[in-house]
C-alpha atoms as a PDB file:
ATOM      1  CA  MET A   1      -0.036   0.047  -0.064  1.00  0.00           C
ATOM      2  CA  SER A   2       2.888   2.266   0.838  1.00  0.00           C
ATOM      3  CA  LYS A   3       4.378   1.598  -2.617  1.00  0.00           C
ATOM      4  CA  LEU A   4       1.107   2.556  -4.402  1.00  0.00           C
ATOM      5  CA  LYS A   5       1.011   5.782  -2.358  1.00  0.00           C
ATOM      6  CA  THR A   6       4.592   6.615  -3.394  1.00  0.00           C
ATOM      7  CA  ILE A   7       3.883   5.942  -7.064  1.00  0.00           C
ATOM      8  CA  MET A   8       0.688   8.117  -6.858  1.00  0.00           C
ATOM      9  CA  LYS A   9       2.638  10.859  -5.047  1.00  0.00           C
ATOM     10  CA  PHE A  10       5.310  10.624  -7.896  1.00  0.00           C
ATOM     11  CA  PHE A  11       2.603  11.260 -10.555  1.00  0.00           C
ATOM     12  CA  GLY A  12       0.782  13.785  -8.568  1.00  0.00           C
ATOM     13  CA  THR A  13       0.564  17.318 -10.104  1.00  0.00           C
ATOM     14  CA  SER A  14      -0.186  19.338  -6.951  1.00  0.00           C
ATOM     15  CA  THR A  15       2.944  21.569  -7.532  1.00  0.00           C
ATOM     16  CA  TRP A  16       4.773  23.345 -10.439  1.00  0.00           C
ATOM     17  CA  PRO A  17       7.797  21.045  -9.900  1.00  0.00           C
ATOM     18  CA  ASP A  18       5.556  18.044 -10.349  1.00  0.00           C
ATOM     19  CA  VAL A  19       4.283  19.313 -13.666  1.00  0.00           C
ATOM     20  CA  ILE A  20       7.879  19.882 -14.924  1.00  0.00           C
ATOM     21  CA  LYS A  21       8.830  16.470 -13.709  1.00  0.00           C
ATOM     22  CA  HIS A  22       6.041  14.854 -15.572  1.00  0.00           C
ATOM     23  CA  PHE A  23       6.872  16.759 -18.735  1.00  0.00           C
ATOM     24  CA  LEU A  24      10.402  15.636 -18.717  1.00  0.00           C
ATOM     25  CA  VAL A  25       9.437  12.036 -18.201  1.00  0.00           C
ATOM     26  CA  ILE A  26       6.856  12.139 -21.054  1.00  0.00           C
ATOM     27  CA  SER A  27       9.483  13.816 -23.393  1.00  0.00           C
ATOM     28  CA  ALA A  28      12.078  11.160 -22.526  1.00  0.00           C
ATOM     29  CA  ILE A  29       9.532   8.369 -23.261  1.00  0.00           C
ATOM     30  CA  GLY A  30       8.566   9.989 -26.666  1.00  0.00           C
ATOM     31  CA  ILE A  31      12.230  10.436 -27.711  1.00  0.00           C
ATOM     32  CA  SER A  32      12.952   6.828 -26.792  1.00  0.00           C
ATOM     33  CA  VAL A  33      10.046   5.623 -28.895  1.00  0.00           C
ATOM     34  CA  LEU A  34      11.075   7.770 -31.948  1.00  0.00           C
ATOM     35  CA  LEU A  35      14.641   6.536 -31.685  1.00  0.00           C
ATOM     36  CA  PHE A  36      13.531   2.889 -31.473  1.00  0.00           C
ATOM     37  CA  PHE A  37      11.203   3.406 -34.435  1.00  0.00           C
ATOM     38  CA  PHE A  38      13.772   4.996 -36.735  1.00  0.00           C
ATOM     39  CA  PHE A  39      16.989   3.177 -35.722  1.00  0.00           C
ATOM     40  CA  VAL A  40      15.681  -0.277 -34.797  1.00  0.00           C
ATOM     41  CA  TYR A  41      12.319  -1.069 -36.214  1.00  0.00           C
ATOM     42  CA  MET A  42      12.713   0.602 -39.698  1.00  0.00           C
ATOM     43  CA  PRO A  43      16.120  -0.877 -40.397  1.00  0.00           C
ATOM     44  CA  ILE A  44      14.753  -4.220 -39.570  1.00  0.00           C
ATOM     45  CA  ILE A  45      11.760  -4.082 -41.907  1.00  0.00           C
ATOM     46  CA  THR A  46      13.710  -2.236 -44.764  1.00  0.00           C
ATOM     47  CA  ASN A  47      16.932  -4.272 -44.755  1.00  0.00           C
ATOM     48  CA  HIS A  48      18.847  -1.021 -43.728  1.00  0.00           C
ATOM     49  CA  GLY A  49      22.317  -1.208 -45.152  1.00  0.00           C
ATOM     50  CA  GLU A  50      21.736  -4.056 -47.392  1.00  0.00           C
ATOM     51  CA  THR A  51      21.772  -2.991 -51.102  1.00  0.00           C
ATOM     52  CA  ILE A  52      22.122  -4.709 -54.505  1.00  0.00           C
ATOM     53  CA  THR A  53      24.496  -3.502 -57.266  1.00  0.00           C
ATOM     54  CA  VAL A  54      22.496  -3.048 -60.542  1.00  0.00           C
ATOM     55  CA  PRO A  55      24.241  -5.279 -63.240  1.00  0.00           C
ATOM     56  CA  ASP A  56      25.025  -3.983 -66.704  1.00  0.00           C
ATOM     57  CA  VAL A  57      22.478  -5.537 -69.030  1.00  0.00           C
ATOM     58  CA  ILE A  58      23.039  -3.354 -72.129  1.00  0.00           C
ATOM     59  CA  GLY A  59      23.241  -5.680 -75.072  1.00  0.00           C
ATOM     60  CA  ILE A  60      21.736  -8.670 -73.187  1.00  0.00           C
ATOM     61  CA  SER A  61      18.956 -10.479 -75.088  1.00  0.00           C
ATOM     62  CA  VAL A  62      15.419 -10.149 -73.577  1.00  0.00           C
ATOM     63  CA  ASP A  63      15.372 -13.985 -73.073  1.00  0.00           C
ATOM     64  CA  ASP A  64      18.361 -13.800 -70.848  1.00  0.00           C
ATOM     65  CA  LEU A  65      17.136 -11.061 -68.416  1.00  0.00           C
ATOM     66  CA  ASP A  66      15.843 -13.412 -65.736  1.00  0.00           C
ATOM     67  CA  ASP A  67      19.381 -14.711 -65.198  1.00  0.00           C
ATOM     68  CA  PHE A  68      20.742 -11.188 -64.765  1.00  0.00           C
ATOM     69  CA  LEU A  69      17.891  -9.577 -62.809  1.00  0.00           C
ATOM     70  CA  VAL A  70      15.412 -11.878 -61.214  1.00  0.00           C
ATOM     71  CA  LYS A  71      18.067 -14.067 -59.699  1.00  0.00           C
ATOM     72  CA  ARG A  72      19.522 -10.972 -58.004  1.00  0.00           C
ATOM     73  CA  ASN A  73      16.198 -10.170 -56.459  1.00  0.00           C
ATOM     74  CA  LEU A  74      15.487  -7.351 -58.883  1.00  0.00           C
ATOM     75  CA  ARG A  75      12.433  -6.803 -61.024  1.00  0.00           C
ATOM     76  CA  TYR A  76      12.276  -5.314 -64.413  1.00  0.00           C
ATOM     77  CA  GLU A  77       9.794  -3.742 -66.835  1.00  0.00           C
ATOM     78  CA  ILE A  78      10.235  -3.382 -70.576  1.00  0.00           C
ATOM     79  CA  SER A  79       9.169  -0.007 -72.073  1.00  0.00           C
ATOM     80  CA  TYR A  80       6.810  -0.092 -75.093  1.00  0.00           C
ATOM     81  CA  ASP A  81       9.101   2.510 -76.720  1.00  0.00           C
ATOM     82  CA  SER A  82      12.123   1.138 -78.558  1.00  0.00           C
ATOM     83  CA  GLY A  83      15.295   2.645 -80.206  1.00  0.00           C
ATOM     84  CA  TYR A  84      17.770   1.420 -82.501  1.00  0.00           C
ATOM     85  CA  SER A  85      21.547   0.787 -82.564  1.00  0.00           C
ATOM     86  CA  SER A  86      23.498  -0.963 -85.369  1.00  0.00           C
ATOM     87  CA  GLU A  87      26.013  -2.025 -82.743  1.00  0.00           C
ATOM     88  CA  LEU A  88      23.633  -4.142 -80.747  1.00  0.00           C
ATOM     89  CA  PRO A  89      21.672  -7.235 -81.676  1.00  0.00           C
ATOM     90  CA  PRO A  90      17.878  -6.985 -82.287  1.00  0.00           C
ATOM     91  CA  LEU A  91      15.640  -7.307 -79.103  1.00  0.00           C
ATOM     92  CA  SER A  92      18.520  -6.656 -76.764  1.00  0.00           C
ATOM     93  CA  VAL A  93      18.593  -3.972 -74.174  1.00  0.00           C
ATOM     94  CA  LEU A  94      19.477  -0.630 -75.420  1.00  0.00           C
ATOM     95  CA  LYS A  95      18.785   1.572 -72.322  1.00  0.00           C
ATOM     96  CA  GLN A  96      18.428   0.783 -68.651  1.00  0.00           C
ATOM     97  CA  PHE A  97      17.460   2.748 -65.495  1.00  0.00           C
ATOM     98  CA  PRO A  98      18.997   2.851 -62.881  1.00  0.00           C
ATOM     99  CA  LYS A  99      22.320   2.835 -64.630  1.00  0.00           C
ATOM    100  CA  PRO A 100      24.817  -0.068 -64.169  1.00  0.00           C
ATOM    101  CA  ASN A 101      26.612  -0.319 -60.765  1.00  0.00           C
ATOM    102  CA  ALA A 102      23.901   1.766 -59.043  1.00  0.00           C
ATOM    103  CA  LYS A 103      23.063   0.753 -55.496  1.00  0.00           C
ATOM    104  CA  VAL A 104      19.417  -0.244 -54.940  1.00  0.00           C
ATOM    105  CA  LYS A 105      17.136  -1.892 -52.562  1.00  0.00           C
ATOM    106  CA  GLU A 106      16.103  -5.560 -52.964  1.00  0.00           C
ATOM    107  CA  ASN A 107      13.115  -6.035 -55.268  1.00  0.00           C
ATOM    108  CA  ARG A 108      13.754  -2.762 -57.059  1.00  0.00           C
ATOM    109  CA  LYS A 109      12.189  -2.424 -60.511  1.00  0.00           C
ATOM    110  CA  ILE A 110      14.710  -1.811 -63.374  1.00  0.00           C
ATOM    111  CA  TYR A 111      13.253  -0.100 -66.386  1.00  0.00           C
ATOM    112  CA  LEU A 112      14.462  -1.242 -69.892  1.00  0.00           C
ATOM    113  CA  THR A 113      14.383  -0.193 -73.450  1.00  0.00           C
ATOM    114  CA  LEU A 114      14.964  -2.756 -76.145  1.00  0.00           C
ATOM    115  CA  ASN A 115      16.696  -2.414 -79.534  1.00  0.00           C
ATOM    116  CA  ALA A 116      14.231  -2.541 -82.373  1.00  0.00           C
ATOM    117  CA  ASN A 117      13.724  -5.863 -84.183  1.00  0.00           C
ATOM    118  CA  SER A 118      14.305  -4.342 -87.590  1.00  0.00           C
ATOM    119  CA  PRO A 119      16.206  -1.090 -88.319  1.00  0.00           C
ATOM    120  CA  PRO A 120      14.076   2.036 -89.154  1.00  0.00           C
ATOM    121  CA  MET A 121      14.559   3.660 -92.636  1.00  0.00           C
ATOM    122  CA  VAL A 122      16.442   6.835 -93.326  1.00  0.00           C
ATOM    123  CA  ARG A 123      17.154   8.933 -96.458  1.00  0.00           C
ATOM    124  CA  MET A 124      20.650   8.663 -97.844  1.00  0.00           C
ATOM    125  CA  PRO A 125      22.492  11.940 -97.341  1.00  0.00           C
ATOM    126  CA  ASN A 126      24.731  13.532 -99.949  1.00  0.00           C
ATOM    127  CA  LEU A 127      28.419  12.936 -99.442  1.00  0.00           C
ATOM    128  CA  VAL A 128      29.715  13.746-102.908  1.00  0.00           C
ATOM    129  CA  GLU A 129      32.064  16.700-103.273  1.00  0.00           C
ATOM    130  CA  GLY A 130      32.604  16.751 -99.477  1.00  0.00           C
ATOM    131  CA  SER A 131      35.576  15.667 -97.464  1.00  0.00           C
ATOM    132  CA  ILE A 132      36.046  12.184 -95.928  1.00  0.00           C
ATOM    133  CA  LYS A 133      35.880  13.750 -92.511  1.00  0.00           C
ATOM    134  CA  ASN A 134      32.596  15.406 -93.267  1.00  0.00           C
ATOM    135  CA  ALA A 135      31.233  12.107 -94.710  1.00  0.00           C
ATOM    136  CA  GLN A 136      32.162  10.370 -91.462  1.00  0.00           C
ATOM    137  CA  MET A 137      30.252  12.873 -89.333  1.00  0.00           C
ATOM    138  CA  THR A 138      27.242  12.908 -91.695  1.00  0.00           C
ATOM    139  CA  LEU A 139      27.011   9.124 -91.746  1.00  0.00           C
ATOM    140  CA  LYS A 140      27.294   8.899 -87.949  1.00  0.00           C
ATOM    141  CA  SER A 141      24.469  11.426 -87.495  1.00  0.00           C
ATOM    142  CA  TYR A 142      22.239   9.199 -89.699  1.00  0.00           C
ATOM    143  CA  ASP A 143      23.350   6.117 -87.896  1.00  0.00           C
ATOM    144  CA  LEU A 144      24.998   4.751 -90.997  1.00  0.00           C
ATOM    145  CA  VAL A 145      28.521   3.060 -91.193  1.00  0.00           C
ATOM    146  CA  LEU A 146      31.377   4.136 -93.172  1.00  0.00           C
ATOM    147  CA  GLY A 147      32.707   1.173 -95.177  1.00  0.00           C
ATOM    148  CA  LYS A 148      35.529   0.694 -97.711  1.00  0.00           C
ATOM    149  CA  ARG A 149      37.407   3.563 -99.147  1.00  0.00           C
ATOM    150  CA  GLU A 150      38.610   3.340-102.792  1.00  0.00           C
ATOM    151  CA  TYR A 151      40.960   5.896-104.297  1.00  0.00           C
ATOM    152  CA  ILE A 152      41.002   6.890-107.948  1.00  0.00           C
ATOM    153  CA  PRO A 153      43.046   9.534-109.803  1.00  0.00           C
ATOM    154  CA  ASP A 154      41.737  12.964-109.079  1.00  0.00           C
ATOM    155  CA  LEU A 155      43.253  16.426-108.274  1.00  0.00           C
ATOM    156  CA  PHE A 156      41.446  16.768-104.875  1.00  0.00           C
ATOM    157  CA  PHE A 157      42.739  14.506-102.052  1.00  0.00           C
ATOM    158  CA  ASN A 158      40.181  12.681 -99.963  1.00  0.00           C
ATOM    159  CA  THR A 159      37.320  14.359-101.657  1.00  0.00           C
ATOM    160  CA  VAL A 160      34.201  11.917-101.972  1.00  0.00           C
ATOM    161  CA  LEU A 161      33.669  11.359-105.672  1.00  0.00           C
ATOM    162  CA  GLU A 162      30.901   8.565-105.390  1.00  0.00           C
ATOM    163  CA  GLN A 163      28.862   6.958-102.730  1.00  0.00           C
ATOM    164  CA  ARG A 164      28.027   3.277-102.941  1.00  0.00           C
ATOM    165  CA  MET A 165      26.004   0.546-101.023  1.00  0.00           C
ATOM    166  CA  ASP A 166      26.255  -3.055-101.891  1.00  0.00           C
ATOM    167  CA  GLY A 167      28.263  -2.464-104.921  1.00  0.00           C
ATOM    168  CA  ARG A 168      26.074   0.071-106.605  1.00  0.00           C
ATOM    169  CA  GLU A 169      26.054   3.760-106.639  1.00  0.00           C
ATOM    170  CA  ILE A 170      23.416   5.157-104.190  1.00  0.00           C
ATOM    171  CA  MET A 171      21.734   8.472-104.875  1.00  0.00           C
ATOM    172  CA  GLU A 172      20.905  11.045-102.367  1.00  0.00           C
ATOM    173  CA  GLY A 173      17.414  10.712-100.880  1.00  0.00           C
ATOM    174  CA  GLU A 174      17.099   6.958-101.306  1.00  0.00           C
ATOM    175  CA  MET A 175      15.490   5.206 -98.362  1.00  0.00           C
ATOM    176  CA  ILE A 176      17.843   2.672 -96.704  1.00  0.00           C
ATOM    177  CA  PRO A 177      17.950   0.913 -93.333  1.00  0.00           C
ATOM    178  CA  LYS A 178      19.752   2.494 -90.406  1.00  0.00           C
ATOM    179  CA  GLY A 179      23.079   0.745 -89.891  1.00  0.00           C
ATOM    180  CA  SER A 180      23.806   0.306 -93.615  1.00  0.00           C
ATOM    181  CA  VAL A 181      27.426   0.196 -94.637  1.00  0.00           C
ATOM    182  CA  ILE A 182      28.297   2.989 -97.136  1.00  0.00           C
ATOM    183  CA  ASP A 183      31.359   2.713 -99.217  1.00  0.00           C
ATOM    184  CA  VAL A 184      33.083   5.768-100.666  1.00  0.00           C
ATOM    185  CA  VAL A 185      35.262   6.515-103.704  1.00  0.00           C
ATOM    186  CA  LEU A 186      37.892   9.308-103.017  1.00  0.00           C
ATOM    187  CA  GLY A 187      40.275  11.325-105.041  1.00  0.00           C
ATOM    188  CA  ASP A 188      43.957  10.474-104.589  1.00  0.00           C
ATOM    189  CA  GLY A 189      45.101  14.172-104.964  1.00  0.00           C
ATOM    190  CA  MET A 190      47.490  13.246-107.846  1.00  0.00           C
ATOM    191  CA  GLY A 191      45.175  13.071-110.816  1.00  0.00           C
ATOM    192  CA  GLN A 192      46.215  11.036-113.873  1.00  0.00           C
ATOM    193  CA  GLN A 193      49.630   9.672-113.361  1.00  0.00           C
ATOM    194  CA  SER A 194      50.593   9.435-116.969  1.00  0.00           C
ATOM    195  CA  LEU A 195      49.707  12.370-119.395  1.00  0.00           C
ATOM    196  CA  GLU A 196      50.568  13.308-122.949  1.00  0.00           C
ATOM    197  CA  SER A 197      51.663  16.757-124.040  1.00  0.00           C
ATOM    198  CA  PRO A 198      48.791  18.242-126.059  1.00  0.00           C
ATOM    199  CA  ASN A 199      49.151  19.347-129.590  1.00  0.00           C
ATOM    200  CA  LEU A 200      49.423  23.168-129.434  1.00  0.00           C
ATOM    201  CA  ILE A 201      50.936  23.901-132.871  1.00  0.00           C
ATOM    202  CA  GLY A 202      48.880  26.666-134.675  1.00  0.00           C
ATOM    203  CA  LEU A 203      46.702  27.522-131.723  1.00  0.00           C
ATOM    204  CA  ASP A 204      46.594  31.142-130.573  1.00  0.00           C
ATOM    205  CA  GLU A 205      48.109  32.035-127.205  1.00  0.00           C
ATOM    206  CA  GLU A 206      44.964  32.004-125.196  1.00  0.00           C
ATOM    207  CA  SER A 207      43.690  28.760-126.647  1.00  0.00           C
ATOM    208  CA  ALA A 208      47.151  27.058-125.949  1.00  0.00           C
ATOM    209  CA  MET A 209      47.101  28.202-122.327  1.00  0.00           C
ATOM    210  CA  ILE A 210      43.552  26.769-121.864  1.00  0.00           C
ATOM    211  CA  ALA A 211      44.592  23.497-123.567  1.00  0.00           C
ATOM    212  CA  ILE A 212      47.601  23.267-121.237  1.00  0.00           C
ATOM    213  CA  ILE A 213      45.727  24.033-117.993  1.00  0.00           C
ATOM    214  CA  GLY A 214      42.824  21.759-119.051  1.00  0.00           C
ATOM    215  CA  SER A 215      45.243  18.832-119.403  1.00  0.00           C
ATOM    216  CA  GLY A 216      46.422  19.136-115.813  1.00  0.00           C
ATOM    217  CA  LEU A 217      49.719  20.774-116.898  1.00  0.00           C
ATOM    218  CA  ASN A 218      51.234  24.197-116.124  1.00  0.00           C
ATOM    219  CA  VAL A 219      52.069  26.979-118.521  1.00  0.00           C
ATOM    220  CA  GLY A 220      55.763  27.324-118.602  1.00  0.00           C
ATOM    221  CA  GLU A 221      57.905  29.949-120.368  1.00  0.00           C
ATOM    222  CA  ILE A 222      56.393  31.861-123.259  1.00  0.00           C
ATOM    223  CA  THR A 223      58.765  33.212-125.985  1.00  0.00           C
ATOM    224  CA  TYR A 224      57.758  35.424-128.925  1.00  0.00           C
ATOM    225  CA  VAL A 225      59.524  34.759-132.227  1.00  0.00           C
ATOM    226  CA  ILE A 226      59.411  36.103-135.792  1.00  0.00           C
ATOM    227  CA  ASP A 227      59.786  32.654-137.416  1.00  0.00           C
ATOM    228  CA  GLU A 228      56.532  31.432-138.843  1.00  0.00           C
ATOM    229  CA  ILE A 229      57.554  27.865-139.959  1.00  0.00           C
ATOM    230  CA  ALA A 230      56.609  25.077-137.520  1.00  0.00           C
ATOM    231  CA  VAL A 231      57.920  21.663-137.691  1.00  0.00           C
ATOM    232  CA  VAL A 232      55.371  18.966-136.985  1.00  0.00           C
ATOM    233  CA  LEU A 233      55.349  15.149-136.765  1.00  0.00           C
ATOM    234  CA  THR A 234      52.947  13.387-139.065  1.00  0.00           C
ATOM    235  CA  THR A 235      52.348   9.895-140.551  1.00  0.00           C
ATOM    236  CA  ASP A 236      52.374   9.002-144.263  1.00  0.00           C
ATOM    237  CA  GLU A 237      49.842   6.665-146.097  1.00  0.00           C
ATOM    238  CA  GLU A 238      51.866   3.678-145.039  1.00  0.00           C
ATOM    239  CA  GLY A 239      51.877   4.715-141.289  1.00  0.00           C
ATOM    240  CA  ASN A 240      55.421   5.914-141.149  1.00  0.00           C
ATOM    241  CA  GLU A 241      56.251   9.005-139.080  1.00  0.00           C
ATOM    242  CA  ILE A 242      57.596  11.938-141.000  1.00  0.00           C
ATOM    243  CA  THR A 243      58.308  15.500-140.263  1.00  0.00           C
ATOM    244  CA  GLU A 244      56.529  18.271-142.007  1.00  0.00           C
ATOM    245  CA  GLU A 245      56.969  22.060-142.100  1.00  0.00           C
ATOM    246  CA  VAL A 246      53.830  24.207-141.831  1.00  0.00           C
ATOM    247  CA  THR A 247      53.166  27.884-141.710  1.00  0.00           C
ATOM    248  CA  VAL A 248      51.370  29.251-138.648  1.00  0.00           C
ATOM    249  CA  SER A 249      49.241  32.448-138.601  1.00  0.00           C
ATOM    250  CA  PRO A 250      50.438  35.453-136.585  1.00  0.00           C
ATOM    251  CA  GLY A 251      49.862  34.971-132.868  1.00  0.00           C
ATOM    252  CA  GLY A 252      49.852  31.109-133.199  1.00  0.00           C
ATOM    253  CA  VAL A 253      52.112  28.547-131.458  1.00  0.00           C
ATOM    254  CA  GLN A 254      55.197  27.938-133.656  1.00  0.00           C
ATOM    255  CA  LYS A 255      56.957  25.581-131.268  1.00  0.00           C
ATOM    256  CA  GLN A 256      56.316  23.639-127.975  1.00  0.00           C
ATOM    257  CA  ARG A 257      58.362  21.788-125.450  1.00  0.00           C
ATOM    258  CA  PRO A 258      57.709  18.947-124.828  1.00  0.00           C
ATOM    259  CA  VAL A 259      56.610  17.981-128.296  1.00  0.00           C
ATOM    260  CA  PRO A 260      52.979  16.782-128.875  1.00  0.00           C
ATOM    261  CA  GLY A 261      52.308  13.305-127.530  1.00  0.00           C
ATOM    262  CA  ASN A 262      55.339  13.254-125.347  1.00  0.00           C
ATOM    263  CA  PRO A 263      54.701  11.513-121.863  1.00  0.00           C
ATOM    264  CA  MET A 264      54.392  13.941-119.005  1.00  0.00           C
ATOM    265  CA  ARG A 265      53.573  14.141-115.340  1.00  0.00           C
ATOM    266  CA  LEU A 266      50.812  16.111-113.691  1.00  0.00           C
ATOM    267  CA  LYS A 267      51.621  19.781-113.241  1.00  0.00           C
ATOM    268  CA  GLN A 268      54.670  19.608-115.509  1.00  0.00           C
ATOM    269  CA  ASP A 269      55.521  22.729-117.301  1.00  0.00           C
ATOM    270  CA  VAL A 270      54.854  23.185-121.074  1.00  0.00           C
ATOM    271  CA  ASP A 271      56.916  25.944-122.771  1.00  0.00           C
ATOM    272  CA  ILE A 272      55.548  27.600-126.050  1.00  0.00           C
ATOM    273  CA  TRP A 273      56.874  29.872-128.757  1.00  0.00           C
ATOM    274  CA  ILE A 274      54.485  32.316-130.256  1.00  0.00           C
ATOM    275  CA  TYR A 275      54.901  33.615-133.882  1.00  0.00           C
ATOM    276  CA  LYS A 276      54.622  37.393-133.764  1.00  0.00           C
ATOM    277  CA  PRO A 277      56.180  39.036-136.811  1.00  0.00           C
ATOM    278  CA  ASP A 278      56.130  42.595-135.409  1.00  0.00           C
ATOM    279  CA  SER A 279      57.937  41.574-132.138  1.00  0.00           C
ATOM    280  CA  LEU A 280      61.507  40.861-131.048  1.00  0.00           C
ATOM    281  CA  ASN A 281      62.961  37.980-129.134  1.00  0.00           C
ATOM    282  CA  PHE A 282      63.641  39.605-125.679  1.00  0.00           C
ATOM    283  CA  SER A 283      65.574  36.592-124.450  1.00  0.00           C
ATOM    284  CA  PRO A 284      69.124  37.767-123.201  1.00  0.00           C
ATOM    285  CA  SER A 285      71.832  37.394-125.790  1.00  0.00           C
ATOM    286  CA  LEU A 286      75.590  37.125-125.479  1.00  0.00           C
ATOM    287  CA  LEU A 287      75.812  40.837-126.240  1.00  0.00           C
ATOM    288  CA  ASP A 288      73.420  41.603-123.340  1.00  0.00           C
ATOM    289  CA  HIS A 289      75.669  39.740-120.964  1.00  0.00           C
END
């Protein structure tokens, strides 16, 4: 009976100290309950501190997902949307969330996007007359693949001259599957390796210069002479080569070096002599020296 009186006296609120004492006791009990709830009860029911590392399933076939996710106590959901990458097999994982190596709770759902079963179609871009670097960037932006490079004689190095697919020339705007391999034909920057000196005898000066440059050669030294007779190489009725003298008109080419038909290299100089009866040859002579 005395113990009961003592307990009732303890919980009595007849004085202000008793009220403060009761408030402190209730506060201590409340704090203890909260600490127990957050640091004991919650960790027990949520497996606090126990996480699973998300595996990398990019490129994994949809048929093999159970081995990678379900067996690790993870769930997965496949999105209805799909993308496409030529670097991954059809119906394999293209994207995942959370990302590989992320730490998640047990039974967490992993959201997956699959690679399309068949590639979507895109229009073939124009690569012709652009550089090989520009072709690489353009093809990548269209999800196309740069294939073989073939070089042919041309003055412009690494310039795309032709675009091909499956051995045929493919035109700009054609519909082709993403991931298609595009081969290109490029210029080697050297042009034709073997040239022949054009026949300039009798041409006026301007026409001769156009013929030289158009043949991939350079105009060399131009000399004006007062001799109108040009020596040319011809063939007779039996096919034998003979020399023949011809008269050229004023302003025409009277002589050239190398002679017509002579083998030459790209950008090699061609010197010409122009018949100009009212002019002098201003080449330095022994008296000038």
